[in-house]
Amino acid sequence: MSETVITVQGSARSEMPPEQAVLRFTVTADGPERVPVVAAVTAALNDVSSVLSAQHANDGPVSQWSADRVAVTSHRPWTNDGVPAALVHQATASGRATISRIDAVAELIDDLASHDLVAIDSLEWSLTDARLAREQRDVRARAVADARAKAEVLAESVGLGSVTPLALADPGMLDGSGGGGMPMPRVERAMAMASMPHGDVGFSLRPEPIVINVAVDARFSAR
């Protein structure tokens, strides 16, 4: 009996709650005098650093954090009449913090954002590296199993026996050469969702789940 080649696509998906969040912030001030502008940002950055350092100490919710040095730029804006205005100095510093306890995220944001010169730039939810690796491995395996199950159904529907894998590849990469590789996962990292009043903190956060999607093209032979 001649060989029949069956080509299918398998897929798998996994959703799980995030385990940590990465918060990015900026400290900014501007004004006509360079020295007071730099002093204001330096003082605000010291306040932020004190908060993060305290939350990092003694196995606190902040697992790691960093902050840039204060940078200063100057520019001369133009008025509506096309006349150069007085020189404006701007001082900025930025930083990030990884928060390993989800229940502490809203309170930390509230503490930092309460400072007039501090802006929260982004908040990204994620899994730890170890958990992400385990989940990706599981989803990959289920995507390949899904492809095999589809091929077996197709083979059985035309009266053929068991299937033998010939090639695996990312979607769109499978060709007639029989070559291929393991499917790569796509991870959807959720951003912060809308807030709601809660307790003494100005808001609470409800992160969307982390989603891992894997699709794989597969080729099997059946007789």
N, C-alpha and C. Protein backbone atom coordinates (compact mmCIF):
# COMPACT_ATOMS: atom_id res chain seq x y z
N MET A 1 0.85 -1.19 0.00
CA MET A 1 0.00 0.00 0.00
C MET A 1 0.89 1.25 0.00
N SER A 2 0.55 2.19 -0.85
CA SER A 2 1.34 3.41 -0.93
C SER A 2 1.14 4.26 0.32
N GLU A 3 2.13 5.08 0.54
CA GLU A 3 2.09 5.97 1.72
C GLU A 3 1.22 7.19 1.43
N THR A 4 0.42 7.58 2.43
CA THR A 4 -0.37 8.80 2.35
C THR A 4 0.20 9.81 3.34
N VAL A 5 0.44 11.02 2.86
CA VAL A 5 0.99 12.08 3.73
C VAL A 5 -0.15 12.96 4.22
N ILE A 6 -0.19 13.17 5.51
CA ILE A 6 -1.22 13.99 6.14
C ILE A 6 -0.55 15.20 6.80
N THR A 7 -1.02 16.39 6.47
CA THR A 7 -0.48 17.62 7.06
C THR A 7 -1.57 18.31 7.87
N VAL A 8 -1.28 18.60 9.10
CA VAL A 8 -2.28 19.22 9.99
C VAL A 8 -1.61 20.31 10.82
N GLN A 9 -2.44 21.07 11.52
CA GLN A 9 -1.94 22.05 12.48
C GLN A 9 -2.54 21.74 13.85
N GLY A 10 -1.69 21.61 14.84
CA GLY A 10 -2.14 21.41 16.21
C GLY A 10 -1.97 22.69 17.00
N SER A 11 -2.76 22.83 18.05
CA SER A 11 -2.66 24.03 18.87
C SER A 11 -2.99 23.70 20.32
N ALA A 12 -2.53 24.55 21.21
CA ALA A 12 -2.83 24.42 22.64
C ALA A 12 -2.74 25.79 23.27
N ARG A 13 -3.44 25.95 24.37
CA ARG A 13 -3.53 27.24 25.05
C ARG A 13 -3.58 27.02 26.56
N SER A 14 -2.97 27.91 27.28
CA SER A 14 -2.99 27.83 28.74
C SER A 14 -3.16 29.23 29.32
N GLU A 15 -3.98 29.34 30.35
CA GLU A 15 -4.17 30.60 31.06
C GLU A 15 -3.86 30.40 32.53
N MET A 16 -3.18 31.36 33.12
CA MET A 16 -2.85 31.27 34.54
C MET A 16 -2.71 32.67 35.12
N PRO A 17 -2.98 32.81 36.40
CA PRO A 17 -2.84 34.14 37.02
C PRO A 17 -1.38 34.55 37.09
N PRO A 18 -1.09 35.84 36.96
CA PRO A 18 0.30 36.29 37.05
C PRO A 18 0.87 36.08 38.44
N GLU A 19 2.18 35.96 38.49
CA GLU A 19 2.88 35.77 39.76
C GLU A 19 3.65 37.00 40.20
N GLN A 20 3.91 37.91 39.27
CA GLN A 20 4.68 39.10 39.61
C GLN A 20 4.33 40.23 38.66
N ALA A 21 4.78 41.41 38.99
CA ALA A 21 4.53 42.59 38.15
C ALA A 21 5.79 43.43 38.09
N VAL A 22 6.02 44.02 36.91
CA VAL A 22 7.15 44.94 36.73
C VAL A 22 6.57 46.34 36.55
N LEU A 23 6.93 47.23 37.46
CA LEU A 23 6.44 48.60 37.46
C LEU A 23 7.57 49.53 36.99
N ARG A 24 7.25 50.40 36.06
CA ARG A 24 8.23 51.39 35.57
C ARG A 24 7.71 52.80 35.90
N PHE A 25 8.61 53.65 36.36
CA PHE A 25 8.21 55.00 36.78
C PHE A 25 9.22 56.03 36.30
N THR A 26 8.78 57.28 36.29
CA THR A 26 9.64 58.40 35.91
C THR A 26 9.45 59.54 36.91
N VAL A 27 10.56 60.18 37.27
CA VAL A 27 10.53 61.37 38.12
C VAL A 27 10.97 62.55 37.26
N THR A 28 10.12 63.58 37.16
CA THR A 28 10.40 64.69 36.25
C THR A 28 10.02 66.02 36.88
N ALA A 29 10.85 67.03 36.60
CA ALA A 29 10.54 68.41 37.00
C ALA A 29 11.21 69.34 36.01
N ASP A 30 10.61 70.52 35.83
CA ASP A 30 11.25 71.51 34.97
C ASP A 30 11.02 72.91 35.54
N GLY A 31 11.83 73.85 35.06
CA GLY A 31 11.72 75.22 35.56
C GLY A 31 12.82 76.09 34.98
N PRO A 32 12.79 77.36 35.29
CA PRO A 32 13.75 78.30 34.71
C PRO A 32 15.14 78.23 35.32
N GLU A 33 15.25 77.65 36.53
CA GLU A 33 16.54 77.58 37.20
C GLU A 33 16.99 76.12 37.32
N ARG A 34 18.23 75.86 36.92
CA ARG A 34 18.72 74.48 36.87
C ARG A 34 18.85 73.86 38.26
N VAL A 35 19.42 74.58 39.19
CA VAL A 35 19.72 74.01 40.51
C VAL A 35 18.47 73.55 41.25
N PRO A 36 17.44 74.39 41.38
CA PRO A 36 16.24 73.91 42.09
C PRO A 36 15.52 72.77 41.38
N VAL A 37 15.59 72.73 40.06
CA VAL A 37 14.95 71.63 39.32
C VAL A 37 15.65 70.30 39.63
N VAL A 38 16.98 70.33 39.58
CA VAL A 38 17.74 69.12 39.90
C VAL A 38 17.51 68.71 41.36
N ALA A 39 17.47 69.69 42.25
CA ALA A 39 17.26 69.39 43.67
C ALA A 39 15.90 68.75 43.90
N ALA A 40 14.88 69.23 43.19
CA ALA A 40 13.53 68.68 43.37
C ALA A 40 13.46 67.23 42.92
N VAL A 41 14.04 66.92 41.76
CA VAL A 41 14.01 65.55 41.26
C VAL A 41 14.88 64.64 42.13
N THR A 42 16.01 65.15 42.57
CA THR A 42 16.87 64.35 43.45
C THR A 42 16.16 64.00 44.75
N ALA A 43 15.46 64.97 45.33
CA ALA A 43 14.72 64.71 46.57
C ALA A 43 13.60 63.71 46.34
N ALA A 44 12.87 63.86 45.24
CA ALA A 44 11.78 62.92 44.94
C ALA A 44 12.32 61.52 44.69
N LEU A 45 13.45 61.44 43.97
CA LEU A 45 14.04 60.13 43.71
C LEU A 45 14.53 59.48 44.99
N ASN A 46 15.05 60.27 45.91
CA ASN A 46 15.46 59.72 47.21
C ASN A 46 14.25 59.17 47.97
N ASP A 47 13.12 59.89 47.90
CA ASP A 47 11.91 59.41 48.56
C ASP A 47 11.46 58.07 47.96
N VAL A 48 11.46 58.00 46.62
CA VAL A 48 11.06 56.77 45.94
C VAL A 48 12.01 55.63 46.30
N SER A 49 13.30 55.93 46.29
CA SER A 49 14.30 54.91 46.62
C SER A 49 14.11 54.39 48.04
N SER A 50 13.76 55.27 48.95
CA SER A 50 13.52 54.85 50.34
C SER A 50 12.34 53.90 50.44
N VAL A 51 11.27 54.22 49.70
CA VAL A 51 10.09 53.35 49.69
C VAL A 51 10.43 51.98 49.12
N LEU A 52 11.11 51.96 47.98
CA LEU A 52 11.45 50.69 47.34
C LEU A 52 12.44 49.89 48.17
N SER A 53 13.40 50.58 48.77
CA SER A 53 14.38 49.89 49.60
C SER A 53 13.72 49.24 50.81
N ALA A 54 12.78 49.94 51.42
CA ALA A 54 12.06 49.38 52.57
C ALA A 54 11.22 48.17 52.16
N GLN A 55 10.61 48.24 50.95
CA GLN A 55 9.78 47.13 50.47
C GLN A 55 10.64 45.95 50.01
N HIS A 56 11.91 46.23 49.72
CA HIS A 56 12.83 45.17 49.29
C HIS A 56 13.46 44.43 50.47
N ALA A 57 13.64 45.13 51.57
CA ALA A 57 14.31 44.56 52.73
C ALA A 57 13.48 43.46 53.39
N ASN A 58 14.18 42.53 54.03
CA ASN A 58 13.54 41.47 54.83
C ASN A 58 12.49 40.69 54.03
N ASP A 59 12.86 40.29 52.81
CA ASP A 59 11.97 39.49 51.96
C ASP A 59 10.63 40.19 51.71
N GLY A 60 10.69 41.49 51.51
CA GLY A 60 9.47 42.24 51.21
C GLY A 60 8.95 41.95 49.81
N PRO A 61 7.86 42.57 49.41
CA PRO A 61 7.23 42.28 48.13
C PRO A 61 8.03 42.73 46.91
N VAL A 62 8.96 43.66 47.08
CA VAL A 62 9.79 44.10 45.95
C VAL A 62 11.03 43.21 45.89
N SER A 63 11.08 42.34 44.88
CA SER A 63 12.19 41.40 44.79
C SER A 63 13.45 42.06 44.24
N GLN A 64 13.30 43.07 43.36
CA GLN A 64 14.45 43.83 42.89
C GLN A 64 13.97 45.18 42.36
N TRP A 65 14.87 46.15 42.39
CA TRP A 65 14.51 47.46 41.88
C TRP A 65 15.77 48.21 41.46
N SER A 66 15.60 49.21 40.61
CA SER A 66 16.72 50.02 40.14
C SER A 66 16.21 51.40 39.79
N ALA A 67 17.13 52.37 39.80
CA ALA A 67 16.79 53.74 39.44
C ALA A 67 17.98 54.39 38.75
N ASP A 68 17.71 55.15 37.69
CA ASP A 68 18.76 55.83 36.97
C ASP A 68 19.21 57.09 37.72
N ARG A 69 20.37 57.60 37.32
CA ARG A 69 20.82 58.89 37.84
C ARG A 69 19.98 60.00 37.23
N VAL A 70 19.98 61.13 37.91
CA VAL A 70 19.23 62.29 37.41
C VAL A 70 19.94 62.86 36.19
N ALA A 71 19.18 63.02 35.09
CA ALA A 71 19.71 63.62 33.87
C ALA A 71 19.05 64.98 33.66
N VAL A 72 19.82 65.93 33.14
CA VAL A 72 19.32 67.30 32.97
C VAL A 72 19.46 67.72 31.52
N THR A 73 18.40 68.26 30.97
CA THR A 73 18.42 68.84 29.63
C THR A 73 17.86 70.26 29.69
N SER A 74 18.20 71.04 28.69
CA SER A 74 17.70 72.42 28.63
C SER A 74 17.22 72.72 27.21
N HIS A 75 16.16 73.49 27.13
CA HIS A 75 15.66 73.90 25.82
C HIS A 75 15.02 75.28 25.93
N ARG A 76 14.96 75.95 24.81
CA ARG A 76 14.38 77.29 24.79
C ARG A 76 13.11 77.26 23.93
N PRO A 77 11.94 77.25 24.55
CA PRO A 77 10.69 77.21 23.77
C PRO A 77 10.45 78.52 23.03
N TRP A 78 9.55 78.46 22.08
CA TRP A 78 9.18 79.65 21.30
C TRP A 78 7.76 80.07 21.65
N THR A 79 7.54 81.35 21.70
CA THR A 79 6.19 81.86 21.98
C THR A 79 5.35 81.80 20.70
N ASN A 80 4.07 82.07 20.86
CA ASN A 80 3.17 82.10 19.68
C ASN A 80 3.54 83.20 18.70
N ASP A 81 4.27 84.18 19.17
CA ASP A 81 4.69 85.28 18.31
C ASP A 81 6.00 84.99 17.60
N GLY A 82 6.55 83.77 17.81
CA GLY A 82 7.81 83.43 17.17
C GLY A 82 9.03 84.00 17.85
N VAL A 83 8.87 84.38 19.12
CA VAL A 83 9.98 84.95 19.89
C VAL A 83 10.50 83.88 20.85
N PRO A 84 11.80 83.66 20.93
CA PRO A 84 12.33 82.66 21.87
C PRO A 84 12.05 83.07 23.31
N ALA A 85 11.55 82.12 24.08
CA ALA A 85 11.23 82.37 25.48
C ALA A 85 12.45 82.09 26.35
N ALA A 86 12.26 82.20 27.65
CA ALA A 86 13.36 81.95 28.58
C ALA A 86 13.74 80.47 28.56
N LEU A 87 14.98 80.18 28.86
CA LEU A 87 15.50 78.82 28.88
C LEU A 87 14.78 77.99 29.95
N VAL A 88 14.40 76.77 29.59
CA VAL A 88 13.72 75.85 30.52
C VAL A 88 14.64 74.67 30.77
N HIS A 89 14.87 74.36 32.03
CA HIS A 89 15.69 73.21 32.42
C HIS A 89 14.76 72.08 32.86
N GLN A 90 15.06 70.87 32.43
CA GLN A 90 14.26 69.71 32.82
C GLN A 90 15.17 68.62 33.38
N ALA A 91 14.81 68.12 34.53
CA ALA A 91 15.55 67.03 35.17
C ALA A 91 14.66 65.79 35.21
N THR A 92 15.21 64.65 34.86
CA THR A 92 14.44 63.41 34.85
C THR A 92 15.27 62.26 35.42
N ALA A 93 14.56 61.29 35.95
CA ALA A 93 15.16 60.03 36.38
C ALA A 93 14.08 58.96 36.24
N SER A 94 14.47 57.76 35.93
CA SER A 94 13.50 56.68 35.77
C SER A 94 13.97 55.44 36.52
N GLY A 95 13.06 54.53 36.71
CA GLY A 95 13.42 53.30 37.42
C GLY A 95 12.38 52.23 37.22
N ARG A 96 12.64 51.09 37.80
CA ARG A 96 11.70 49.97 37.70
C ARG A 96 11.79 49.14 38.97
N ALA A 97 10.71 48.42 39.22
CA ALA A 97 10.67 47.54 40.39
C ALA A 97 9.90 46.27 40.03
N THR A 98 10.43 45.14 40.43
CA THR A 98 9.74 43.86 40.25
C THR A 98 9.06 43.50 41.56
N ILE A 99 7.75 43.33 41.51
CA ILE A 99 6.95 43.07 42.71
C ILE A 99 6.50 41.62 42.68
N SER A 100 6.93 40.86 43.65
CA SER A 100 6.70 39.42 43.65
C SER A 100 5.43 39.01 44.39
N ARG A 101 4.75 39.96 45.02
CA ARG A 101 3.47 39.67 45.68
C ARG A 101 2.40 40.51 45.02
N ILE A 102 1.47 39.85 44.36
CA ILE A 102 0.45 40.56 43.61
C ILE A 102 -0.39 41.46 44.51
N ASP A 103 -0.65 41.02 45.74
CA ASP A 103 -1.51 41.81 46.63
C ASP A 103 -0.86 43.10 47.10
N ALA A 104 0.45 43.27 46.83
CA ALA A 104 1.15 44.47 47.27
C ALA A 104 1.30 45.50 46.15
N VAL A 105 0.89 45.17 44.94
CA VAL A 105 1.12 46.04 43.80
C VAL A 105 0.37 47.37 43.94
N ALA A 106 -0.93 47.31 44.22
CA ALA A 106 -1.74 48.52 44.28
C ALA A 106 -1.24 49.49 45.35
N GLU A 107 -0.87 48.96 46.50
CA GLU A 107 -0.40 49.83 47.59
C GLU A 107 0.91 50.52 47.22
N LEU A 108 1.81 49.78 46.55
CA LEU A 108 3.09 50.37 46.16
C LEU A 108 2.87 51.47 45.12
N ILE A 109 2.01 51.21 44.15
CA ILE A 109 1.70 52.24 43.15
C ILE A 109 1.12 53.48 43.83
N ASP A 110 0.23 53.26 44.77
CA ASP A 110 -0.38 54.38 45.48
C ASP A 110 0.67 55.20 46.23
N ASP A 111 1.65 54.52 46.84
CA ASP A 111 2.71 55.21 47.57
C ASP A 111 3.57 56.06 46.63
N LEU A 112 3.93 55.48 45.49
CA LEU A 112 4.81 56.20 44.57
C LEU A 112 4.07 57.34 43.86
N ALA A 113 2.86 57.05 43.40
CA ALA A 113 2.11 58.05 42.63
C ALA A 113 1.62 59.21 43.48
N SER A 114 1.66 59.08 44.78
CA SER A 114 1.23 60.18 45.64
C SER A 114 2.21 61.35 45.60
N HIS A 115 3.41 61.10 45.10
CA HIS A 115 4.40 62.18 44.97
C HIS A 115 4.12 62.95 43.68
N ASP A 116 4.10 64.27 43.76
CA ASP A 116 3.74 65.12 42.62
C ASP A 116 4.64 64.93 41.41
N LEU A 117 5.90 64.61 41.63
CA LEU A 117 6.86 64.54 40.52
C LEU A 117 7.01 63.13 39.94
N VAL A 118 6.31 62.16 40.50
CA VAL A 118 6.46 60.77 40.07
C VAL A 118 5.29 60.37 39.18
N ALA A 119 5.60 59.77 38.04
CA ALA A 119 4.58 59.25 37.13
C ALA A 119 4.81 57.75 36.93
N ILE A 120 3.74 56.98 37.00
CA ILE A 120 3.82 55.55 36.73
C ILE A 120 3.70 55.35 35.23
N ASP A 121 4.74 54.84 34.60
CA ASP A 121 4.75 54.71 33.14
C ASP A 121 4.06 53.44 32.66
N SER A 122 4.28 52.34 33.34
CA SER A 122 3.66 51.09 32.89
C SER A 122 3.67 50.08 34.03
N LEU A 123 2.82 49.08 33.88
CA LEU A 123 2.75 47.98 34.83
C LEU A 123 2.49 46.71 34.03
N GLU A 124 3.43 45.80 34.04
CA GLU A 124 3.33 44.59 33.24
C GLU A 124 3.32 43.36 34.15
N TRP A 125 2.31 42.52 33.96
CA TRP A 125 2.18 41.30 34.76
C TRP A 125 2.88 40.16 34.03
N SER A 126 3.46 39.24 34.80
CA SER A 126 4.17 38.13 34.18
C SER A 126 4.28 36.96 35.15
N LEU A 127 4.89 35.88 34.65
CA LEU A 127 5.22 34.72 35.47
C LEU A 127 6.71 34.76 35.80
N THR A 128 7.11 34.03 36.81
CA THR A 128 8.53 33.86 37.06
C THR A 128 9.13 33.04 35.92
N ASP A 129 10.43 33.15 35.73
CA ASP A 129 11.08 32.42 34.63
C ASP A 129 10.88 30.92 34.75
N ALA A 130 10.99 30.40 35.97
CA ALA A 130 10.85 28.95 36.16
C ALA A 130 9.43 28.48 35.82
N ARG A 131 8.44 29.23 36.28
CA ARG A 131 7.05 28.85 35.99
C ARG A 131 6.75 28.97 34.50
N LEU A 132 7.26 30.03 33.86
CA LEU A 132 7.02 30.22 32.44
C LEU A 132 7.62 29.07 31.63
N ALA A 133 8.83 28.64 31.99
CA ALA A 133 9.46 27.53 31.27
C ALA A 133 8.65 26.25 31.40
N ARG A 134 8.13 25.97 32.59
CA ARG A 134 7.32 24.77 32.79
C ARG A 134 6.03 24.83 31.96
N GLU A 135 5.38 25.98 31.99
CA GLU A 135 4.13 26.11 31.26
C GLU A 135 4.34 26.03 29.75
N GLN A 136 5.41 26.64 29.26
CA GLN A 136 5.70 26.58 27.83
C GLN A 136 5.95 25.14 27.39
N ARG A 137 6.67 24.40 28.18
CA ARG A 137 6.95 23.00 27.85
C ARG A 137 5.65 22.20 27.77
N ASP A 138 4.77 22.43 28.74
CA ASP A 138 3.49 21.70 28.76
C ASP A 138 2.63 22.05 27.55
N VAL A 139 2.55 23.34 27.22
CA VAL A 139 1.71 23.77 26.10
C VAL A 139 2.29 23.27 24.77
N ARG A 140 3.60 23.27 24.63
CA ARG A 140 4.23 22.72 23.43
C ARG A 140 3.82 21.25 23.24
N ALA A 141 3.95 20.48 24.33
CA ALA A 141 3.63 19.05 24.24
C ALA A 141 2.17 18.83 23.87
N ARG A 142 1.27 19.65 24.43
CA ARG A 142 -0.14 19.48 24.12
C ARG A 142 -0.46 19.89 22.68
N ALA A 143 0.27 20.87 22.15
CA ALA A 143 0.06 21.26 20.75
C ALA A 143 0.47 20.14 19.81
N VAL A 144 1.59 19.49 20.09
CA VAL A 144 2.03 18.36 19.26
C VAL A 144 1.05 17.20 19.38
N ALA A 145 0.57 16.93 20.60
CA ALA A 145 -0.41 15.86 20.80
C ALA A 145 -1.70 16.15 20.05
N ASP A 146 -2.11 17.42 20.01
CA ASP A 146 -3.30 17.81 19.27
C ASP A 146 -3.12 17.56 17.78
N ALA A 147 -1.94 17.88 17.27
CA ALA A 147 -1.67 17.63 15.85
C ALA A 147 -1.72 16.14 15.54
N ARG A 148 -1.15 15.34 16.39
CA ARG A 148 -1.16 13.88 16.16
C ARG A 148 -2.58 13.33 16.21
N ALA A 149 -3.37 13.82 17.17
CA ALA A 149 -4.75 13.34 17.28
C ALA A 149 -5.54 13.69 16.02
N LYS A 150 -5.34 14.87 15.48
CA LYS A 150 -6.02 15.26 14.24
C LYS A 150 -5.61 14.36 13.08
N ALA A 151 -4.30 14.08 13.01
CA ALA A 151 -3.81 13.22 11.92
C ALA A 151 -4.38 11.81 12.04
N GLU A 152 -4.49 11.30 13.25
CA GLU A 152 -5.04 9.96 13.44
C GLU A 152 -6.51 9.88 13.02
N VAL A 153 -7.27 10.95 13.32
CA VAL A 153 -8.67 10.98 12.91
C VAL A 153 -8.79 10.99 11.39
N LEU A 154 -7.95 11.79 10.74
CA LEU A 154 -7.98 11.86 9.27
C LEU A 154 -7.58 10.52 8.67
N ALA A 155 -6.55 9.88 9.23
CA ALA A 155 -6.12 8.59 8.70
C ALA A 155 -7.21 7.55 8.85
N GLU A 156 -7.82 7.51 10.01
CA GLU A 156 -8.89 6.53 10.27
C GLU A 156 -10.08 6.76 9.35
N SER A 157 -10.39 8.02 9.04
CA SER A 157 -11.56 8.33 8.21
C SER A 157 -11.43 7.81 6.78
N VAL A 158 -10.20 7.57 6.34
CA VAL A 158 -10.01 7.03 4.98
C VAL A 158 -9.48 5.60 5.03
N GLY A 159 -9.62 4.94 6.17
CA GLY A 159 -9.29 3.54 6.28
C GLY A 159 -7.82 3.23 6.43
N LEU A 160 -7.03 4.18 6.90
CA LEU A 160 -5.61 3.95 7.09
C LEU A 160 -5.31 3.64 8.55
N GLY A 161 -4.11 3.12 8.77
CA GLY A 161 -3.73 2.73 10.12
C GLY A 161 -3.05 3.84 10.88
N SER A 162 -2.09 3.46 11.74
CA SER A 162 -1.42 4.43 12.60
C SER A 162 -0.58 5.40 11.78
N VAL A 163 -0.33 6.57 12.37
CA VAL A 163 0.43 7.60 11.68
C VAL A 163 1.85 7.67 12.24
N THR A 164 2.76 8.09 11.39
CA THR A 164 4.16 8.24 11.78
C THR A 164 4.59 9.69 11.51
N PRO A 165 5.13 10.39 12.52
CA PRO A 165 5.51 11.79 12.30
C PRO A 165 6.68 11.91 11.33
N LEU A 166 6.58 12.88 10.44
CA LEU A 166 7.64 13.17 9.48
C LEU A 166 8.31 14.51 9.76
N ALA A 167 7.53 15.50 10.18
CA ALA A 167 8.09 16.84 10.39
C ALA A 167 7.22 17.64 11.32
N LEU A 168 7.86 18.52 12.09
CA LEU A 168 7.18 19.50 12.94
C LEU A 168 7.81 20.86 12.67
N ALA A 169 6.98 21.90 12.67
CA ALA A 169 7.52 23.24 12.40
C ALA A 169 6.57 24.29 12.93
N ASP A 170 7.10 25.51 13.09
CA ASP A 170 6.26 26.65 13.38
C ASP A 170 5.30 26.87 12.22
N PRO A 171 4.13 27.47 12.46
CA PRO A 171 3.17 27.71 11.39
C PRO A 171 3.79 28.45 10.21
N GLY A 172 3.57 27.91 9.00
CA GLY A 172 4.07 28.55 7.79
C GLY A 172 5.47 28.15 7.40
N MET A 173 6.17 27.37 8.25
CA MET A 173 7.56 27.02 7.95
C MET A 173 7.70 25.60 7.41
N LEU A 174 6.62 24.85 7.35
CA LEU A 174 6.70 23.47 6.90
C LEU A 174 6.71 23.43 5.37
N ASP A 175 7.72 22.75 4.81
CA ASP A 175 7.80 22.62 3.36
C ASP A 175 8.01 21.16 2.98
N GLY A 176 8.18 20.92 1.73
CA GLY A 176 8.29 19.56 1.24
C GLY A 176 9.58 18.86 1.58
N SER A 177 10.54 19.55 2.19
CA SER A 177 11.82 18.93 2.49
C SER A 177 11.75 18.00 3.69
N GLY A 178 10.68 18.10 4.45
CA GLY A 178 10.57 17.26 5.65
C GLY A 178 11.29 17.85 6.85
N GLY A 179 11.87 19.06 6.69
CA GLY A 179 12.55 19.70 7.82
C GLY A 179 11.58 20.47 8.67
N GLY A 180 12.01 20.88 9.83
CA GLY A 180 11.17 21.67 10.71
C GLY A 180 11.79 21.81 12.07
N GLY A 181 11.09 22.42 12.98
CA GLY A 181 11.61 22.60 14.33
C GLY A 181 10.47 22.56 15.31
N MET A 182 10.83 22.70 16.59
CA MET A 182 9.82 22.68 17.62
C MET A 182 9.01 23.97 17.60
N PRO A 183 7.70 23.89 17.85
CA PRO A 183 6.86 25.10 17.83
C PRO A 183 7.23 26.04 18.95
N MET A 184 7.22 27.33 18.65
CA MET A 184 7.55 28.34 19.64
C MET A 184 6.28 28.91 20.26
N PRO A 185 6.28 29.12 21.57
CA PRO A 185 5.08 29.65 22.22
C PRO A 185 4.95 31.16 22.05
N ARG A 186 3.72 31.63 22.13
CA ARG A 186 3.45 33.06 22.14
C ARG A 186 2.83 33.38 23.49
N VAL A 187 3.47 34.26 24.22
CA VAL A 187 3.02 34.62 25.57
C VAL A 187 2.40 36.00 25.53
N GLU A 188 1.17 36.10 26.00
CA GLU A 188 0.49 37.38 26.10
C GLU A 188 0.64 37.89 27.53
N ARG A 189 1.45 38.91 27.69
CA ARG A 189 1.69 39.48 29.02
C ARG A 189 0.69 40.59 29.26
N ALA A 190 -0.11 40.44 30.29
CA ALA A 190 -1.20 41.38 30.53
C ALA A 190 -0.69 42.66 31.17
N MET A 191 -1.31 43.77 30.76
CA MET A 191 -1.05 45.05 31.40
C MET A 191 -2.08 45.25 32.52
N ALA A 192 -1.92 46.31 33.28
CA ALA A 192 -2.83 46.56 34.39
C ALA A 192 -4.23 46.88 33.87
N MET A 193 -5.23 46.36 34.55
CA MET A 193 -6.61 46.63 34.20
C MET A 193 -7.12 47.83 34.99
N ALA A 194 -8.36 48.21 34.72
CA ALA A 194 -8.98 49.35 35.39
C ALA A 194 -9.04 49.12 36.90
N SER A 195 -9.04 50.21 37.64
CA SER A 195 -8.98 50.12 39.09
C SER A 195 -10.33 50.33 39.73
N MET A 196 -10.42 49.89 40.99
CA MET A 196 -11.64 50.05 41.78
C MET A 196 -11.22 50.48 43.18
N PRO A 197 -12.02 51.29 43.87
CA PRO A 197 -11.70 51.66 45.25
C PRO A 197 -11.63 50.43 46.14
N HIS A 198 -10.67 50.45 47.06
CA HIS A 198 -10.53 49.30 47.95
C HIS A 198 -9.79 49.73 49.20
N GLY A 199 -10.41 49.63 50.34
CA GLY A 199 -9.76 49.89 51.61
C GLY A 199 -9.14 51.26 51.69
N ASP A 200 -7.94 51.32 52.30
CA ASP A 200 -7.24 52.58 52.46
C ASP A 200 -6.48 52.98 51.21
N VAL A 201 -6.30 52.04 50.30
CA VAL A 201 -5.58 52.33 49.06
C VAL A 201 -6.55 52.91 48.05
N GLY A 202 -6.07 53.84 47.23
CA GLY A 202 -6.96 54.53 46.29
C GLY A 202 -7.57 53.63 45.24
N PHE A 203 -7.01 52.47 44.98
CA PHE A 203 -7.54 51.58 43.95
C PHE A 203 -7.03 50.17 44.21
N SER A 204 -7.64 49.22 43.52
CA SER A 204 -7.13 47.85 43.50
C SER A 204 -7.00 47.43 42.05
N LEU A 205 -6.15 46.46 41.79
CA LEU A 205 -5.88 46.03 40.42
C LEU A 205 -6.37 44.61 40.21
N ARG A 206 -6.92 44.37 39.03
CA ARG A 206 -7.37 43.04 38.67
C ARG A 206 -6.69 42.64 37.37
N PRO A 207 -5.52 42.02 37.45
CA PRO A 207 -4.79 41.69 36.22
C PRO A 207 -5.49 40.58 35.44
N GLU A 208 -5.40 40.68 34.12
CA GLU A 208 -5.86 39.60 33.27
C GLU A 208 -4.89 38.43 33.38
N PRO A 209 -5.33 37.22 33.07
CA PRO A 209 -4.43 36.07 33.15
C PRO A 209 -3.34 36.13 32.09
N ILE A 210 -2.24 35.50 32.38
CA ILE A 210 -1.17 35.32 31.39
C ILE A 210 -1.60 34.18 30.46
N VAL A 211 -1.54 34.42 29.17
CA VAL A 211 -1.99 33.44 28.19
C VAL A 211 -0.79 32.97 27.36
N ILE A 212 -0.65 31.66 27.24
CA ILE A 212 0.38 31.07 26.39
C ILE A 212 -0.31 30.30 25.27
N ASN A 213 -0.02 30.66 24.04
CA ASN A 213 -0.57 30.00 22.87
C ASN A 213 0.55 29.35 22.07
N VAL A 214 0.33 28.13 21.61
CA VAL A 214 1.28 27.46 20.74
C VAL A 214 0.52 26.84 19.58
N ALA A 215 0.99 27.05 18.37
CA ALA A 215 0.48 26.37 17.18
C ALA A 215 1.64 25.68 16.51
N VAL A 216 1.41 24.51 15.95
CA VAL A 216 2.47 23.75 15.30
C VAL A 216 1.92 23.10 14.03
N ASP A 217 2.66 23.23 12.94
CA ASP A 217 2.34 22.50 11.72
C ASP A 217 3.05 21.16 11.79
N ALA A 218 2.36 20.11 11.39
CA ALA A 218 2.94 18.76 11.49
C ALA A 218 2.59 17.97 10.25
N ARG A 219 3.52 17.08 9.88
CA ARG A 219 3.30 16.20 8.73
C ARG A 219 3.50 14.77 9.18
N PHE A 220 2.55 13.91 8.82
CA PHE A 220 2.57 12.50 9.20
C PHE A 220 2.41 11.65 7.96
N SER A 221 2.91 10.43 8.05
CA SER A 221 2.64 9.46 7.01
C SER A 221 1.73 8.39 7.57
N ALA A 222 0.87 7.85 6.72
CA ALA A 222 -0.07 6.80 7.11
C ALA A 222 -0.17 5.80 5.99
N ARG A 223 -0.36 4.52 6.37
CA ARG A 223 -0.51 3.45 5.39
C ARG A 223 -1.79 2.66 5.69
